[in-house]
Amino acid sequence: MRTLIDFSVLQEYNDKVLPRGDKLSALASLVDWNAFLSIEHKLYKNKSERGGRPNISIIIMIKHLILQQLYGLSDPQLELQVADRFSFRVFLGTTEVIPDYSTIWLFRERLKENGMLEFIWEEFVNQLKAKGYDVKKGVIQDATFITSDPGHAKSDVPRGGEAKTRRSKDGAWAKKGNKSHFGYKGHIKTDVENNFIWKVETTAANVHDSQVDLANEGEVRYGDKGYHGAKTKGYDASMKRASRGHQLSVFDELRNKRISSKRSLVERCFSVIKIVFKSGHVMVTTVGRAAVKMTFNAIGYNLFNLLGIVNRKAA
């Protein structure tokens, strides 16, 4: 019966979805998913001679987290959509294994606690490099607020382990201009040639942009005025900021315009993550959990960006 159901699902997908174009199927073809099998034993250690319920493949779980961020879905919504949508099932490579929403939540926790999130990120980055993409003409660093719910407690009520509410334990308030933001901040580094994200870091919202340096030695790092005067392992190419009694020279004004035209590319990354992926707000309570979501946002963006480049080259 299962074989007949699988055949029916795939046949309907081929007849109705594929002729209209399936971006998910195209995205899946860009990645060597088997490369992630090497860390499966580090995440799951409950297999024994006594048997028991088998674990769901790490490839299927990683694909679930990518789908979740691409479509801005909660854990319960993700479970429902995977069960309901042909394209999701084809992207996952299975028509029978559907983890429930608690399994998805636990998988994110495993990644955070076992340090495997960094491995997954590095593997995606290395696959980009294997395709010939890398930092060649400098990098752009910038940050954006990822908001969270502050809860109903007053601002002077303790957070962390002493918190008595379900509000964000690690989130913090920060002010930009006349607007206040509560939650976290996503810091990213992109290249100026192809606009891929090469590094990502998540902090509380009150950590200033200049306190995070994602540049490597020898890289030219372009940044806005928030990075003026900040130390970096690379070459500082940040916009200069006027101070009281010291206006910028004409040379500095022209320099800022040149840098602004280069660093403006990074805004596309944040636009895709916040508008297309609907991931400008998170319902998590710690920096670690926000980091998992921000990392998979960056992975999803890189896949979208890579697909666009591949399509343009083929045109």
C-alpha atoms as a PDB file:
ATOM      1  CA  MET A   1       0.000   0.000   0.000  1.00  0.00           C
ATOM      2  CA  ARG A   2       2.827   2.388   0.910  1.00  0.00           C
ATOM      3  CA  THR A   3       4.459   1.834  -2.489  1.00  0.00           C
ATOM      4  CA  LEU A   4       1.196   2.690  -4.241  1.00  0.00           C
ATOM      5  CA  ILE A   5       0.790   5.844  -2.155  1.00  0.00           C
ATOM      6  CA  ASP A   6       4.362   6.907  -2.878  1.00  0.00           C
ATOM      7  CA  PHE A   7       3.877   6.360  -6.596  1.00  0.00           C
ATOM      8  CA  SER A   8       0.653   8.371  -6.535  1.00  0.00           C
ATOM      9  CA  VAL A   9       2.298  11.283  -4.714  1.00  0.00           C
ATOM     10  CA  LEU A  10       5.277  11.401  -7.062  1.00  0.00           C
ATOM     11  CA  GLN A  11       3.071  11.050 -10.141  1.00  0.00           C
ATOM     12  CA  GLU A  12       0.908  13.998  -9.083  1.00  0.00           C
ATOM     13  CA  TYR A  13       4.045  16.015  -8.318  1.00  0.00           C
ATOM     14  CA  ASN A  14       5.464  15.276 -11.778  1.00  0.00           C
ATOM     15  CA  ASP A  15       2.161  16.132 -13.466  1.00  0.00           C
ATOM     16  CA  LYS A  16       1.165  19.296 -11.580  1.00  0.00           C
ATOM     17  CA  VAL A  17       4.175  20.806  -9.798  1.00  0.00           C
ATOM     18  CA  LEU A  18       7.263  20.105 -11.875  1.00  0.00           C
ATOM     19  CA  PRO A  19       5.961  21.651 -15.151  1.00  0.00           C
ATOM     20  CA  ARG A  20       5.441  24.970 -13.318  1.00  0.00           C
ATOM     21  CA  GLY A  21       8.971  24.950 -11.915  1.00  0.00           C
ATOM     22  CA  ASP A  22      10.078  23.662  -8.520  1.00  0.00           C
ATOM     23  CA  LYS A  23      12.689  25.879  -6.891  1.00  0.00           C
ATOM     24  CA  LEU A  24      13.077  23.494  -3.941  1.00  0.00           C
ATOM     25  CA  SER A  25      14.089  20.634  -6.211  1.00  0.00           C
ATOM     26  CA  ALA A  26      16.648  22.911  -7.867  1.00  0.00           C
ATOM     27  CA  LEU A  27      18.019  23.960  -4.466  1.00  0.00           C
ATOM     28  CA  ALA A  28      18.351  20.342  -3.334  1.00  0.00           C
ATOM     29  CA  SER A  29      20.473  19.515  -6.381  1.00  0.00           C
ATOM     30  CA  LEU A  30      23.086  22.117  -5.395  1.00  0.00           C
ATOM     31  CA  VAL A  31      24.196  20.305  -2.226  1.00  0.00           C
ATOM     32  CA  ASP A  32      26.112  17.092  -1.524  1.00  0.00           C
ATOM     33  CA  TRP A  33      23.874  15.974   1.332  1.00  0.00           C
ATOM     34  CA  ASN A  34      25.828  12.779   2.040  1.00  0.00           C
ATOM     35  CA  ALA A  35      28.659  14.920   3.414  1.00  0.00           C
ATOM     36  CA  PHE A  36      26.608  15.409   6.597  1.00  0.00           C
ATOM     37  CA  LEU A  37      26.324  11.705   7.381  1.00  0.00           C
ATOM     38  CA  SER A  38      29.735  11.751   9.083  1.00  0.00           C
ATOM     39  CA  ILE A  39      28.372  13.598  12.139  1.00  0.00           C
ATOM     40  CA  GLU A  40      25.219  11.522  12.594  1.00  0.00           C
ATOM     41  CA  HIS A  41      26.842   9.280  15.223  1.00  0.00           C
ATOM     42  CA  LYS A  42      27.869  12.355  17.223  1.00  0.00           C
ATOM     43  CA  LEU A  43      24.266  13.507  17.513  1.00  0.00           C
ATOM     44  CA  TYR A  44      22.569  10.164  18.138  1.00  0.00           C
ATOM     45  CA  LYS A  45      24.038   7.631  20.555  1.00  0.00           C
ATOM     46  CA  ASN A  46      20.994   5.543  21.456  1.00  0.00           C
ATOM     47  CA  LYS A  47      21.533   2.762  18.922  1.00  0.00           C
ATOM     48  CA  SER A  48      22.357  -0.549  20.590  1.00  0.00           C
ATOM     49  CA  GLU A  49      22.010  -4.306  20.178  1.00  0.00           C
ATOM     50  CA  ARG A  50      18.695  -4.084  22.018  1.00  0.00           C
ATOM     51  CA  GLY A  51      17.275  -2.167  19.094  1.00  0.00           C
ATOM     52  CA  GLY A  52      14.609   0.445  19.556  1.00  0.00           C
ATOM     53  CA  ARG A  53      13.102   3.160  17.427  1.00  0.00           C
ATOM     54  CA  PRO A  54      15.574   4.126  14.648  1.00  0.00           C
ATOM     55  CA  ASN A  55      16.679   7.754  14.362  1.00  0.00           C
ATOM     56  CA  ILE A  56      15.547   9.881  11.449  1.00  0.00           C
ATOM     57  CA  SER A  57      18.364  10.561   8.986  1.00  0.00           C
ATOM     58  CA  ILE A  58      20.364  13.693   9.752  1.00  0.00           C
ATOM     59  CA  ILE A  59      19.959  14.695   6.097  1.00  0.00           C
ATOM     60  CA  ILE A  60      16.174  14.755   6.456  1.00  0.00           C
ATOM     61  CA  MET A  61      16.444  16.753   9.704  1.00  0.00           C
ATOM     62  CA  ILE A  62      18.834  19.330   8.216  1.00  0.00           C
ATOM     63  CA  LYS A  63      16.508  19.730   5.239  1.00  0.00           C
ATOM     64  CA  HIS A  64      13.616  20.284   7.656  1.00  0.00           C
ATOM     65  CA  LEU A  65      15.442  23.186   9.313  1.00  0.00           C
ATOM     66  CA  ILE A  66      16.216  24.706   5.908  1.00  0.00           C
ATOM     67  CA  LEU A  67      12.552  24.454   4.900  1.00  0.00           C
ATOM     68  CA  GLN A  68      11.515  25.993   8.196  1.00  0.00           C
ATOM     69  CA  GLN A  69      13.632  29.099   7.671  1.00  0.00           C
ATOM     70  CA  LEU A  70      12.896  29.440   3.954  1.00  0.00           C
ATOM     71  CA  TYR A  71       9.161  29.620   4.644  1.00  0.00           C
ATOM     72  CA  GLY A  72       9.121  31.182   8.120  1.00  0.00           C
ATOM     73  CA  LEU A  73       7.320  28.231   9.740  1.00  0.00           C
ATOM     74  CA  SER A  74       6.899  27.329  13.389  1.00  0.00           C
ATOM     75  CA  ASP A  75       7.618  23.738  14.421  1.00  0.00           C
ATOM     76  CA  PRO A  76       3.921  22.659  14.324  1.00  0.00           C
ATOM     77  CA  GLN A  77       3.398  24.464  11.006  1.00  0.00           C
ATOM     78  CA  LEU A  78       6.452  22.743   9.553  1.00  0.00           C
ATOM     79  CA  GLU A  79       5.127  19.306  10.514  1.00  0.00           C
ATOM     80  CA  LEU A  80       1.770  20.112   8.891  1.00  0.00           C
ATOM     81  CA  GLN A  81       3.222  21.574   5.703  1.00  0.00           C
ATOM     82  CA  VAL A  82       5.611  18.655   5.174  1.00  0.00           C
ATOM     83  CA  ALA A  83       2.661  16.265   5.439  1.00  0.00           C
ATOM     84  CA  ASP A  84       0.605  18.367   3.041  1.00  0.00           C
ATOM     85  CA  ARG A  85       2.931  19.609   0.275  1.00  0.00           C
ATOM     86  CA  PHE A  86       4.331  17.512  -2.567  1.00  0.00           C
ATOM     87  CA  SER A  87       7.296  19.808  -3.163  1.00  0.00           C
ATOM     88  CA  PHE A  88       8.366  19.600   0.494  1.00  0.00           C
ATOM     89  CA  ARG A  89       8.315  15.798   0.448  1.00  0.00           C
ATOM     90  CA  VAL A  90      10.312  15.654  -2.773  1.00  0.00           C
ATOM     91  CA  PHE A  91      12.865  18.133  -1.365  1.00  0.00           C
ATOM     92  CA  LEU A  92      13.245  15.929   1.713  1.00  0.00           C
ATOM     93  CA  GLY A  93      13.681  12.852  -0.452  1.00  0.00           C
ATOM     94  CA  THR A  94      11.059  10.862   1.439  1.00  0.00           C
ATOM     95  CA  THR A  95       7.307  10.310   1.297  1.00  0.00           C
ATOM     96  CA  GLU A  96       7.026   8.357   4.535  1.00  0.00           C
ATOM     97  CA  VAL A  97       9.218   9.870   7.288  1.00  0.00           C
ATOM     98  CA  ILE A  98       7.668  12.948   8.886  1.00  0.00           C
ATOM     99  CA  PRO A  99       9.177  13.934  12.252  1.00  0.00           C
ATOM    100  CA  ASP A 100       6.749  15.568  14.635  1.00  0.00           C
ATOM    101  CA  TYR A 101       7.332  19.126  15.836  1.00  0.00           C
ATOM    102  CA  SER A 102       8.891  18.051  19.149  1.00  0.00           C
ATOM    103  CA  THR A 103      11.507  15.999  17.255  1.00  0.00           C
ATOM    104  CA  ILE A 104      12.371  19.080  15.198  1.00  0.00           C
ATOM    105  CA  TRP A 105      12.776  21.164  18.376  1.00  0.00           C
ATOM    106  CA  LEU A 106      14.982  18.501  19.971  1.00  0.00           C
ATOM    107  CA  PHE A 107      17.167  18.303  16.880  1.00  0.00           C
ATOM    108  CA  ARG A 108      17.885  22.040  17.049  1.00  0.00           C
ATOM    109  CA  GLU A 109      18.766  21.583  20.730  1.00  0.00           C
ATOM    110  CA  ARG A 110      21.167  18.752  19.845  1.00  0.00           C
ATOM    111  CA  LEU A 111      22.919  20.938  17.285  1.00  0.00           C
ATOM    112  CA  LYS A 112      23.314  23.724  19.825  1.00  0.00           C
ATOM    113  CA  GLU A 113      24.511  21.524  22.677  1.00  0.00           C
ATOM    114  CA  ASN A 114      26.868  19.241  20.700  1.00  0.00           C
ATOM    115  CA  GLY A 115      28.618  21.960  18.732  1.00  0.00           C
ATOM    116  CA  MET A 116      27.536  20.404  15.437  1.00  0.00           C
ATOM    117  CA  LEU A 117      25.945  23.630  14.185  1.00  0.00           C
ATOM    118  CA  GLU A 118      29.421  24.959  13.357  1.00  0.00           C
ATOM    119  CA  PHE A 119      30.267  21.773  11.450  1.00  0.00           C
ATOM    120  CA  ILE A 120      27.114  22.032   9.346  1.00  0.00           C
ATOM    121  CA  TRP A 121      27.811  25.691   8.573  1.00  0.00           C
ATOM    122  CA  GLU A 122      31.439  24.985   7.621  1.00  0.00           C
ATOM    123  CA  GLU A 123      30.386  22.107   5.363  1.00  0.00           C
ATOM    124  CA  PHE A 124      28.007  24.362   3.433  1.00  0.00           C
ATOM    125  CA  VAL A 125      30.745  27.012   3.168  1.00  0.00           C
ATOM    126  CA  ASN A 126      33.299  24.446   1.978  1.00  0.00           C
ATOM    127  CA  GLN A 127      30.908  23.233  -0.703  1.00  0.00           C
ATOM    128  CA  LEU A 128      30.616  26.814  -1.962  1.00  0.00           C
ATOM    129  CA  LYS A 129      34.409  27.028  -2.119  1.00  0.00           C
ATOM    130  CA  ALA A 130      34.567  23.708  -3.987  1.00  0.00           C
ATOM    131  CA  LYS A 131      32.331  25.287  -6.653  1.00  0.00           C
ATOM    132  CA  GLY A 132      34.872  28.085  -7.107  1.00  0.00           C
ATOM    133  CA  TYR A 133      33.336  30.789  -4.904  1.00  0.00           C
ATOM    134  CA  ASP A 134      35.424  32.504  -2.247  1.00  0.00           C
ATOM    135  CA  VAL A 135      36.377  35.904  -0.862  1.00  0.00           C
ATOM    136  CA  LYS A 136      38.503  37.617  -3.529  1.00  0.00           C
ATOM    137  CA  LYS A 137      37.881  41.375  -3.496  1.00  0.00           C
ATOM    138  CA  GLY A 138      37.060  42.177   0.099  1.00  0.00           C
ATOM    139  CA  VAL A 139      34.243  41.597   2.575  1.00  0.00           C
ATOM    140  CA  ILE A 140      31.297  43.528   3.941  1.00  0.00           C
ATOM    141  CA  GLN A 141      30.296  43.267   7.578  1.00  0.00           C
ATOM    142  CA  ASP A 142      26.987  44.450   8.976  1.00  0.00           C
ATOM    143  CA  ALA A 143      24.396  43.543  11.593  1.00  0.00           C
ATOM    144  CA  THR A 144      20.628  43.638  11.968  1.00  0.00           C
ATOM    145  CA  PHE A 145      18.163  43.318  14.820  1.00  0.00           C
ATOM    146  CA  ILE A 146      16.314  40.022  15.186  1.00  0.00           C
ATOM    147  CA  THR A 147      13.502  40.886  17.542  1.00  0.00           C
ATOM    148  CA  SER A 148      11.973  38.685  20.222  1.00  0.00           C
ATOM    149  CA  ASP A 149       9.120  38.956  22.722  1.00  0.00           C
ATOM    150  CA  PRO A 150      10.200  40.689  25.956  1.00  0.00           C
ATOM    151  CA  GLY A 151       7.296  39.257  27.961  1.00  0.00           C
ATOM    152  CA  HIS A 152       5.218  41.062  30.540  1.00  0.00           C
ATOM    153  CA  ALA A 153       7.818  41.438  33.296  1.00  0.00           C
ATOM    154  CA  LYS A 154       9.356  44.823  34.108  1.00  0.00           C
ATOM    155  CA  SER A 155      12.807  45.650  32.803  1.00  0.00           C
ATOM    156  CA  ASP A 156      14.457  45.355  36.229  1.00  0.00           C
ATOM    157  CA  VAL A 157      13.230  41.774  36.837  1.00  0.00           C
ATOM    158  CA  PRO A 158      16.147  39.280  36.654  1.00  0.00           C
ATOM    159  CA  ARG A 159      16.648  37.185  33.554  1.00  0.00           C
ATOM    160  CA  GLY A 160      18.525  33.930  33.106  1.00  0.00           C
ATOM    161  CA  GLY A 161      17.950  31.169  35.640  1.00  0.00           C
ATOM    162  CA  GLU A 162      16.268  33.615  38.016  1.00  0.00           C
ATOM    163  CA  ALA A 163      13.624  34.667  35.520  1.00  0.00           C
ATOM    164  CA  LYS A 164      10.049  33.955  36.616  1.00  0.00           C
ATOM    165  CA  THR A 165       8.454  34.498  33.215  1.00  0.00           C
ATOM    166  CA  ARG A 166       8.750  32.787  29.842  1.00  0.00           C
ATOM    167  CA  ARG A 167      10.192  35.875  28.200  1.00  0.00           C
ATOM    168  CA  SER A 168      13.569  35.859  26.479  1.00  0.00           C
ATOM    169  CA  LYS A 169      16.335  35.054  28.956  1.00  0.00           C
ATOM    170  CA  ASP A 170      19.199  36.378  26.809  1.00  0.00           C
ATOM    171  CA  GLY A 171      17.412  39.064  24.823  1.00  0.00           C
ATOM    172  CA  ALA A 172      18.238  42.703  25.518  1.00  0.00           C
ATOM    173  CA  TRP A 173      16.986  46.168  24.658  1.00  0.00           C
ATOM    174  CA  ALA A 174      18.859  48.361  22.196  1.00  0.00           C
ATOM    175  CA  LYS A 175      18.032  51.719  20.672  1.00  0.00           C
ATOM    176  CA  LYS A 176      18.711  52.836  17.114  1.00  0.00           C
ATOM    177  CA  GLY A 177      17.678  56.370  16.353  1.00  0.00           C
ATOM    178  CA  ASN A 178      14.366  56.923  18.111  1.00  0.00           C
ATOM    179  CA  LYS A 179      13.284  53.278  17.970  1.00  0.00           C
ATOM    180  CA  SER A 180      13.929  50.615  20.620  1.00  0.00           C
ATOM    181  CA  HIS A 181      14.393  46.938  19.754  1.00  0.00           C
ATOM    182  CA  PHE A 182      14.273  43.908  22.038  1.00  0.00           C
ATOM    183  CA  GLY A 183      15.919  40.603  21.242  1.00  0.00           C
ATOM    184  CA  TYR A 184      19.080  39.682  19.379  1.00  0.00           C
ATOM    185  CA  LYS A 185      21.390  40.851  16.660  1.00  0.00           C
ATOM    186  CA  GLY A 186      22.593  38.899  13.639  1.00  0.00           C
ATOM    187  CA  HIS A 187      26.102  39.772  12.431  1.00  0.00           C
ATOM    188  CA  ILE A 188      27.175  38.596   8.973  1.00  0.00           C
ATOM    189  CA  LYS A 189      30.155  38.845   6.627  1.00  0.00           C
ATOM    190  CA  THR A 190      29.629  38.723   2.862  1.00  0.00           C
ATOM    191  CA  ASP A 191      31.953  39.016  -0.126  1.00  0.00           C
ATOM    192  CA  VAL A 192      31.701  41.983  -2.477  1.00  0.00           C
ATOM    193  CA  GLU A 193      31.812  39.894  -5.656  1.00  0.00           C
ATOM    194  CA  ASN A 194      29.008  37.296  -5.326  1.00  0.00           C
ATOM    195  CA  ASN A 195      27.364  38.416  -2.065  1.00  0.00           C
ATOM    196  CA  PHE A 196      27.533  35.058  -0.270  1.00  0.00           C
ATOM    197  CA  ILE A 197      27.461  34.987   3.530  1.00  0.00           C
ATOM    198  CA  TRP A 198      30.761  33.552   4.799  1.00  0.00           C
ATOM    199  CA  LYS A 199      30.438  34.078   8.534  1.00  0.00           C
ATOM    200  CA  VAL A 200      27.492  34.578  10.870  1.00  0.00           C
ATOM    201  CA  GLU A 201      27.344  35.337  14.572  1.00  0.00           C
ATOM    202  CA  THR A 202      24.393  35.995  16.876  1.00  0.00           C
ATOM    203  CA  THR A 203      24.503  38.165  19.998  1.00  0.00           C
ATOM    204  CA  ALA A 204      22.133  39.992  22.295  1.00  0.00           C
ATOM    205  CA  ALA A 205      20.717  43.172  20.738  1.00  0.00           C
ATOM    206  CA  ASN A 206      22.731  45.485  23.007  1.00  0.00           C
ATOM    207  CA  VAL A 207      26.092  44.257  21.662  1.00  0.00           C
ATOM    208  CA  HIS A 208      27.415  47.051  19.442  1.00  0.00           C
ATOM    209  CA  ASP A 209      28.268  46.144  15.852  1.00  0.00           C
ATOM    210  CA  SER A 210      31.886  47.235  16.361  1.00  0.00           C
ATOM    211  CA  GLN A 211      32.415  44.649  19.132  1.00  0.00           C
ATOM    212  CA  VAL A 212      32.176  41.779  16.628  1.00  0.00           C
ATOM    213  CA  ASP A 213      34.950  41.304  14.069  1.00  0.00           C
ATOM    214  CA  LEU A 214      34.309  38.641  11.424  1.00  0.00           C
ATOM    215  CA  ALA A 215      37.176  39.558   9.087  1.00  0.00           C
ATOM    216  CA  ASN A 216      40.173  37.305   8.531  1.00  0.00           C
ATOM    217  CA  GLU A 217      43.747  38.546   8.325  1.00  0.00           C
ATOM    218  CA  GLY A 218      44.458  40.256   5.033  1.00  0.00           C
ATOM    219  CA  GLU A 219      40.793  40.848   4.130  1.00  0.00           C
ATOM    220  CA  VAL A 220      39.577  44.343   3.306  1.00  0.00           C
ATOM    221  CA  ARG A 221      36.548  44.860   5.550  1.00  0.00           C
ATOM    222  CA  TYR A 222      33.947  47.373   4.393  1.00  0.00           C
ATOM    223  CA  GLY A 223      31.559  48.678   7.022  1.00  0.00           C
ATOM    224  CA  ASP A 224      29.224  51.547   7.788  1.00  0.00           C
ATOM    225  CA  LYS A 225      29.943  54.345  10.274  1.00  0.00           C
ATOM    226  CA  GLY A 226      29.146  52.035  13.184  1.00  0.00           C
ATOM    227  CA  TYR A 227      32.508  50.315  12.611  1.00  0.00           C
ATOM    228  CA  HIS A 228      34.507  53.565  12.567  1.00  0.00           C
ATOM    229  CA  GLY A 229      37.593  53.145  14.722  1.00  0.00           C
ATOM    230  CA  ALA A 230      36.831  49.497  15.580  1.00  0.00           C
ATOM    231  CA  LYS A 231      39.726  47.039  15.609  1.00  0.00           C
ATOM    232  CA  THR A 232      39.777  44.334  12.964  1.00  0.00           C
ATOM    233  CA  LYS A 233      42.056  41.471  11.958  1.00  0.00           C
ATOM    234  CA  GLY A 234      41.728  42.648   8.369  1.00  0.00           C
ATOM    235  CA  TYR A 235      42.237  46.013   6.700  1.00  0.00           C
ATOM    236  CA  ASP A 236      39.771  48.624   7.958  1.00  0.00           C
ATOM    237  CA  ALA A 237      37.755  50.138   5.116  1.00  0.00           C
ATOM    238  CA  SER A 238      34.867  51.431   7.205  1.00  0.00           C
ATOM    239  CA  MET A 239      33.100  54.709   6.575  1.00  0.00           C
ATOM    240  CA  LYS A 240      34.377  57.590   8.689  1.00  0.00           C
ATOM    241  CA  ARG A 241      32.161  59.405  11.153  1.00  0.00           C
ATOM    242  CA  ALA A 242      32.302  63.079  11.995  1.00  0.00           C
ATOM    243  CA  SER A 243      32.724  64.057  15.623  1.00  0.00           C
ATOM    244  CA  ARG A 244      31.866  67.201  17.553  1.00  0.00           C
ATOM    245  CA  GLY A 245      34.039  70.006  16.270  1.00  0.00           C
ATOM    246  CA  HIS A 246      35.638  67.823  13.592  1.00  0.00           C
ATOM    247  CA  GLN A 247      33.717  67.713  10.337  1.00  0.00           C
ATOM    248  CA  LEU A 248      34.674  65.297   7.598  1.00  0.00           C
ATOM    249  CA  SER A 249      36.888  66.544   4.822  1.00  0.00           C
ATOM    250  CA  VAL A 250      35.800  66.481   1.182  1.00  0.00           C
ATOM    251  CA  PHE A 251      38.171  63.541   0.679  1.00  0.00           C
ATOM    252  CA  ASP A 252      36.500  61.604   3.519  1.00  0.00           C
ATOM    253  CA  GLU A 253      33.030  62.405   2.203  1.00  0.00           C
ATOM    254  CA  LEU A 254      33.948  61.033  -1.231  1.00  0.00           C
ATOM    255  CA  ARG A 255      35.580  58.003   0.397  1.00  0.00           C
ATOM    256  CA  ASN A 256      32.387  57.314   2.368  1.00  0.00           C
ATOM    257  CA  LYS A 257      30.335  57.412  -0.821  1.00  0.00           C
ATOM    258  CA  ARG A 258      32.613  54.876  -2.509  1.00  0.00           C
ATOM    259  CA  ILE A 259      32.468  52.557   0.504  1.00  0.00           C
ATOM    260  CA  SER A 260      28.693  52.983   0.802  1.00  0.00           C
ATOM    261  CA  SER A 261      28.192  51.843  -2.791  1.00  0.00           C
ATOM    262  CA  LYS A 262      30.194  48.667  -2.039  1.00  0.00           C
ATOM    263  CA  ARG A 263      28.676  47.826   1.333  1.00  0.00           C
ATOM    264  CA  SER A 264      25.080  48.426   0.240  1.00  0.00           C
ATOM    265  CA  LEU A 265      25.055  44.886  -1.214  1.00  0.00           C
ATOM    266  CA  VAL A 266      24.767  43.429   2.273  1.00  0.00           C
ATOM    267  CA  GLU A 267      21.279  44.898   2.645  1.00  0.00           C
ATOM    268  CA  ARG A 268      20.009  42.342   0.132  1.00  0.00           C
ATOM    269  CA  CYS A 269      20.915  39.553   2.563  1.00  0.00           C
ATOM    270  CA  PHE A 270      18.897  41.101   5.368  1.00  0.00           C
ATOM    271  CA  SER A 271      15.989  41.865   3.041  1.00  0.00           C
ATOM    272  CA  VAL A 272      15.764  38.231   1.931  1.00  0.00           C
ATOM    273  CA  ILE A 273      16.041  36.917   5.496  1.00  0.00           C
ATOM    274  CA  LYS A 274      13.490  39.323   6.954  1.00  0.00           C
ATOM    275  CA  ILE A 275      11.013  39.781   4.114  1.00  0.00           C
ATOM    276  CA  VAL A 276      11.205  36.606   2.023  1.00  0.00           C
ATOM    277  CA  PHE A 277      11.993  34.186   4.866  1.00  0.00           C
ATOM    278  CA  LYS A 278       9.885  36.158   7.401  1.00  0.00           C
ATOM    279  CA  SER A 279      12.637  35.652   9.978  1.00  0.00           C
ATOM    280  CA  GLY A 280      13.037  39.125  11.432  1.00  0.00           C
ATOM    281  CA  HIS A 281      11.311  37.975  14.629  1.00  0.00           C
ATOM    282  CA  VAL A 282      11.993  34.812  16.639  1.00  0.00           C
ATOM    283  CA  MET A 283      10.081  33.010  19.370  1.00  0.00           C
ATOM    284  CA  VAL A 284      13.116  31.634  21.196  1.00  0.00           C
ATOM    285  CA  THR A 285      14.518  32.541  24.596  1.00  0.00           C
ATOM    286  CA  THR A 286      18.322  32.252  24.342  1.00  0.00           C
ATOM    287  CA  VAL A 287      21.160  33.465  22.141  1.00  0.00           C
ATOM    288  CA  GLY A 288      22.083  29.834  21.386  1.00  0.00           C
ATOM    289  CA  ARG A 289      18.641  29.038  20.006  1.00  0.00           C
ATOM    290  CA  ALA A 290      18.538  32.275  18.037  1.00  0.00           C
ATOM    291  CA  ALA A 291      21.958  31.367  16.596  1.00  0.00           C
ATOM    292  CA  VAL A 292      20.612  28.075  15.189  1.00  0.00           C
ATOM    293  CA  LYS A 293      17.841  29.930  13.377  1.00  0.00           C
ATOM    294  CA  MET A 294      20.161  32.693  12.150  1.00  0.00           C
ATOM    295  CA  THR A 295      22.661  30.125  10.846  1.00  0.00           C
ATOM    296  CA  PHE A 296      19.991  28.286   8.855  1.00  0.00           C
ATOM    297  CA  ASN A 297      18.729  31.634   7.561  1.00  0.00           C
ATOM    298  CA  ALA A 298      22.235  32.251   6.217  1.00  0.00           C
ATOM    299  CA  ILE A 299      22.360  28.746   4.696  1.00  0.00           C
ATOM    300  CA  GLY A 300      18.998  29.296   3.021  1.00  0.00           C
ATOM    301  CA  TYR A 301      20.101  32.673   1.676  1.00  0.00           C
ATOM    302  CA  ASN A 302      23.324  31.212   0.262  1.00  0.00           C
ATOM    303  CA  LEU A 303      21.373  28.469  -1.507  1.00  0.00           C
ATOM    304  CA  PHE A 304      18.992  31.034  -3.028  1.00  0.00           C
ATOM    305  CA  ASN A 305      21.934  33.188  -4.077  1.00  0.00           C
ATOM    306  CA  LEU A 306      23.785  30.222  -5.589  1.00  0.00           C
ATOM    307  CA  LEU A 307      20.707  29.152  -7.552  1.00  0.00           C
ATOM    308  CA  GLY A 308      20.366  32.667  -8.946  1.00  0.00           C
ATOM    309  CA  ILE A 309      23.992  32.685 -10.078  1.00  0.00           C
ATOM    310  CA  VAL A 310      23.659  29.234 -11.675  1.00  0.00           C
ATOM    311  CA  ASN A 311      20.484  30.280 -13.519  1.00  0.00           C
ATOM    312  CA  ARG A 312      22.091  33.489 -14.795  1.00  0.00           C
ATOM    313  CA  LYS A 313      25.091  31.581 -16.112  1.00  0.00           C
ATOM    314  CA  ALA A 314      22.803  29.102 -17.869  1.00  0.00           C
ATOM    315  CA  ALA A 315      20.698  31.830 -19.489  1.00  0.00           C
END
